C-alpha atoms as a PDB file:
ATOM      1  CA  MET A   1       6.259   3.786  12.651  1.00  0.00           C
ATOM      2  CA  SER A   2       5.199   4.782  16.103  1.00  0.00           C
ATOM      3  CA  VAL A   3       3.073   2.628  18.312  1.00  0.00           C
ATOM      4  CA  ILE A   4      -0.267   4.266  19.009  1.00  0.00           C
ATOM      5  CA  SER A   5      -3.113   3.476  21.292  1.00  0.00           C
ATOM      6  CA  PRO A   6      -6.003   1.547  19.729  1.00  0.00           C
ATOM      7  CA  MET A   7      -8.170   4.449  20.933  1.00  0.00           C
ATOM      8  CA  ARG A   8      -5.983   6.992  19.111  1.00  0.00           C
ATOM      9  CA  PRO A   9      -6.001   6.416  15.346  1.00  0.00           C
ATOM     10  CA  VAL A  10      -3.575   9.297  14.722  1.00  0.00           C
ATOM     11  CA  ASP A  11      -0.091   9.462  16.202  1.00  0.00           C
ATOM     12  CA  LEU A  12      -0.090  13.051  17.454  1.00  0.00           C
ATOM     13  CA  VAL A  13       3.652  13.018  18.131  1.00  0.00           C
ATOM     14  CA  HIS A  14       4.247  12.163  14.472  1.00  0.00           C
ATOM     15  CA  LEU A  15       1.769  14.819  13.342  1.00  0.00           C
ATOM     16  CA  ALA A  16       3.398  17.412  15.616  1.00  0.00           C
ATOM     17  CA  ARG A  17       6.709  16.945  13.788  1.00  0.00           C
ATOM     18  CA  TYR A  18       5.053  18.604  10.804  1.00  0.00           C
ATOM     19  CA  THR A  19       2.741  21.055  12.514  1.00  0.00           C
ATOM     20  CA  GLY A  20       4.899  22.136  15.432  1.00  0.00           C
ATOM     21  CA  GLY A  21       2.194  20.837  17.755  1.00  0.00           C
ATOM     22  CA  ASP A  22      -0.087  23.748  16.923  1.00  0.00           C
ATOM     23  CA  ARG A  23      -3.623  22.472  17.579  1.00  0.00           C
ATOM     24  CA  THR A  24      -5.104  24.797  14.971  1.00  0.00           C
ATOM     25  CA  ILE A  25      -2.782  23.460  12.301  1.00  0.00           C
ATOM     26  CA  ASP A  26      -3.354  19.886  13.519  1.00  0.00           C
ATOM     27  CA  THR A  27      -7.095  20.398  13.110  1.00  0.00           C
ATOM     28  CA  GLU A  28      -6.699  21.918   9.654  1.00  0.00           C
ATOM     29  CA  VAL A  29      -4.414  19.121   8.458  1.00  0.00           C
ATOM     30  CA  LEU A  30      -6.687  16.395   9.803  1.00  0.00           C
ATOM     31  CA  THR A  31      -9.793  18.066   8.371  1.00  0.00           C
ATOM     32  CA  LEU A  32      -8.154  18.317   4.945  1.00  0.00           C
ATOM     33  CA  PHE A  33      -7.023  14.713   5.226  1.00  0.00           C
ATOM     34  CA  THR A  34     -10.459  13.348   6.102  1.00  0.00           C
ATOM     35  CA  GLY A  35     -12.023  15.214   3.182  1.00  0.00           C
ATOM     36  CA  GLN A  36      -9.380  13.850   0.823  1.00  0.00           C
ATOM     37  CA  ALA A  37      -9.758  10.358   2.277  1.00  0.00           C
ATOM     38  CA  GLU A  38     -13.528  10.418   1.703  1.00  0.00           C
ATOM     39  CA  GLN A  39     -12.912  11.376  -1.944  1.00  0.00           C
ATOM     40  CA  LEU A  40     -10.409   8.558  -2.326  1.00  0.00           C
ATOM     41  CA  ILE A  41     -12.872   6.038  -0.867  1.00  0.00           C
ATOM     42  CA  ALA A  42     -15.534   7.192  -3.334  1.00  0.00           C
ATOM     43  CA  ARG A  43     -13.003   6.780  -6.124  1.00  0.00           C
ATOM     44  CA  LEU A  44     -12.150   3.265  -4.903  1.00  0.00           C
ATOM     45  CA  ARG A  45     -15.832   2.277  -5.039  1.00  0.00           C
ATOM     46  CA  ILE A  46     -15.989   3.393  -8.675  1.00  0.00           C
ATOM     47  CA  GLN A  47     -12.739   1.633  -9.508  1.00  0.00           C
ATOM     48  CA  LEU A  48     -14.019  -1.527  -7.852  1.00  0.00           C
ATOM     49  CA  ASP A  49     -17.241  -1.376  -9.882  1.00  0.00           C
ATOM     50  CA  ARG A  50     -15.237  -0.859 -13.087  1.00  0.00           C
ATOM     51  CA  ALA A  51     -12.588  -3.462 -12.167  1.00  0.00           C
ATOM     52  CA  ASP A  52     -10.004  -0.714 -12.778  1.00  0.00           C
ATOM     53  CA  ALA A  53      -6.788  -2.245 -11.430  1.00  0.00           C
ATOM     54  CA  GLN A  54      -4.533   0.673 -12.391  1.00  0.00           C
ATOM     55  CA  GLY A  55      -6.841   3.259 -10.839  1.00  0.00           C
ATOM     56  CA  TRP A  56      -7.275   1.068  -7.759  1.00  0.00           C
ATOM     57  CA  HIS A  57      -3.512   0.820  -7.315  1.00  0.00           C
ATOM     58  CA  GLU A  58      -2.996   4.574  -7.741  1.00  0.00           C
ATOM     59  CA  THR A  59      -5.808   5.478  -5.328  1.00  0.00           C
ATOM     60  CA  THR A  60      -4.819   3.031  -2.585  1.00  0.00           C
ATOM     61  CA  HIS A  61      -1.228   4.205  -2.950  1.00  0.00           C
ATOM     62  CA  ALA A  62      -2.319   7.848  -2.547  1.00  0.00           C
ATOM     63  CA  LEU A  63      -4.364   6.956   0.537  1.00  0.00           C
ATOM     64  CA  LYS A  64      -1.463   5.016   2.009  1.00  0.00           C
ATOM     65  CA  GLY A  65       0.884   7.984   1.580  1.00  0.00           C
ATOM     66  CA  ALA A  66      -1.536  10.576   2.900  1.00  0.00           C
ATOM     67  CA  ALA A  67      -2.401   8.478   5.945  1.00  0.00           C
ATOM     68  CA  GLY A  68       1.255   7.850   6.724  1.00  0.00           C
ATOM     69  CA  CYS A  69       2.049  11.548   6.503  1.00  0.00           C
ATOM     70  CA  ILE A  70      -0.459  12.479   9.194  1.00  0.00           C
ATOM     71  CA  GLY A  71       0.389   9.523  11.444  1.00  0.00           C
ATOM     72  CA  ALA A  72      -2.708   7.402  10.752  1.00  0.00           C
ATOM     73  CA  PHE A  73      -0.570   4.289  10.562  1.00  0.00           C
ATOM     74  CA  ALA A  74      -3.324   1.667  10.884  1.00  0.00           C
ATOM     75  CA  LEU A  75      -5.076   3.290   7.939  1.00  0.00           C
ATOM     76  CA  ALA A  76      -1.817   3.461   5.966  1.00  0.00           C
ATOM     77  CA  ASP A  77      -1.211  -0.237   6.642  1.00  0.00           C
ATOM     78  CA  ALA A  78      -4.746  -1.138   5.541  1.00  0.00           C
ATOM     79  CA  ALA A  79      -4.314   0.893   2.349  1.00  0.00           C
ATOM     80  CA  ALA A  80      -1.009  -0.892   1.683  1.00  0.00           C
ATOM     81  CA  ALA A  81      -2.756  -4.247   2.073  1.00  0.00           C
ATOM     82  CA  ALA A  82      -5.514  -3.130  -0.310  1.00  0.00           C
ATOM     83  CA  GLU A  83      -3.002  -1.773  -2.817  1.00  0.00           C
ATOM     84  CA  VAL A  84      -1.930  -5.249  -3.920  1.00  0.00           C
ATOM     85  CA  LEU A  85      -5.489  -6.417  -4.613  1.00  0.00           C
ATOM     86  CA  ASP A  86      -6.885  -6.701  -8.120  1.00  0.00           C
ATOM     87  CA  PRO A  87     -10.486  -5.476  -8.155  1.00  0.00           C
ATOM     88  CA  ALA A  88     -11.202  -7.583 -11.257  1.00  0.00           C
ATOM     89  CA  SER A  89     -10.152 -10.940  -9.825  1.00  0.00           C
ATOM     90  CA  GLN A  90     -10.475 -10.175  -6.097  1.00  0.00           C
ATOM     91  CA  GLY A  91     -13.669  -8.141  -6.090  1.00  0.00           C
ATOM     92  CA  GLU A  92     -15.093  -9.454  -2.824  1.00  0.00           C
ATOM     93  CA  GLU A  93     -11.825  -8.978  -0.985  1.00  0.00           C
ATOM     94  CA  ALA A  94     -11.417  -5.510  -2.492  1.00  0.00           C
ATOM     95  CA  GLY A  95     -14.961  -4.627  -1.386  1.00  0.00           C
ATOM     96  CA  ARG A  96     -14.157  -5.709   2.170  1.00  0.00           C
ATOM     97  CA  ALA A  97     -10.963  -3.656   1.991  1.00  0.00           C
ATOM     98  CA  VAL A  98     -12.936  -0.543   1.020  1.00  0.00           C
ATOM     99  CA  ASP A  99     -15.303  -1.131   3.935  1.00  0.00           C
ATOM    100  CA  GLY A 100     -12.352  -1.507   6.303  1.00  0.00           C
ATOM    101  CA  LEU A 101     -10.699   1.632   4.965  1.00  0.00           C
ATOM    102  CA  ARG A 102     -13.932   3.571   5.394  1.00  0.00           C
ATOM    103  CA  SER A 103     -14.196   2.329   8.989  1.00  0.00           C
ATOM    104  CA  LEU A 104     -10.657   3.478   9.751  1.00  0.00           C
ATOM    105  CA  ILE A 105     -11.341   6.876   8.196  1.00  0.00           C
ATOM    106  CA  THR A 106     -14.427   7.157  10.394  1.00  0.00           C
ATOM    107  CA  ARG A 107     -12.222   6.465  13.430  1.00  0.00           C
ATOM    108  CA  VAL A 108      -9.896   9.290  12.365  1.00  0.00           C
ATOM    109  CA  LYS A 109     -12.883  11.631  11.946  1.00  0.00           C
ATOM    110  CA  LEU A 110     -14.326  10.691  15.344  1.00  0.00           C
ATOM    111  CA  PHE A 111     -10.920  11.206  16.915  1.00  0.00           C
ATOM    112  CA  LEU A 112     -10.675  14.610  15.266  1.00  0.00           C
ATOM    113  CA  HIS A 113     -14.053  15.637  16.641  1.00  0.00           C
ATOM    114  CA  SER A 114     -13.443  14.331  20.152  1.00  0.00           C
ATOM    115  CA  HIS A 115      -9.811  15.339  20.574  1.00  0.00           C
ATOM    116  CA  PHE A 116      -9.920  18.775  18.992  1.00  0.00           C
ATOM    117  CA  LYS A 117     -13.342  20.018  20.057  1.00  0.00           C
ATOM    118  CA  ASN A 118     -13.196  23.445  21.632  1.00  0.00           C
END
């Protein structure tokens, strides 16, 4: 993984390996990612409420992979940490993990808006 600035939640060098550094494609990829990430967070809330360990594992794993692909490594690491939690027996910790994941997604969205505004 690349080291990124705490102010930059997406490693743009990593992202550019896949987009060729095209800002339009970067914006599209990050916009698609943030929409997907919001859906995954909503799914995690439901899985937490239902104590659905299998669903929780699958959703955190999907978020981890998607975040890693775009270079949002702090988010990928947080999803990896959440992936091992059991929402049935570690409900409070899992709830805090969802809140932390949401916060990191918000950072990615704010970065998208500030870095790629026209």
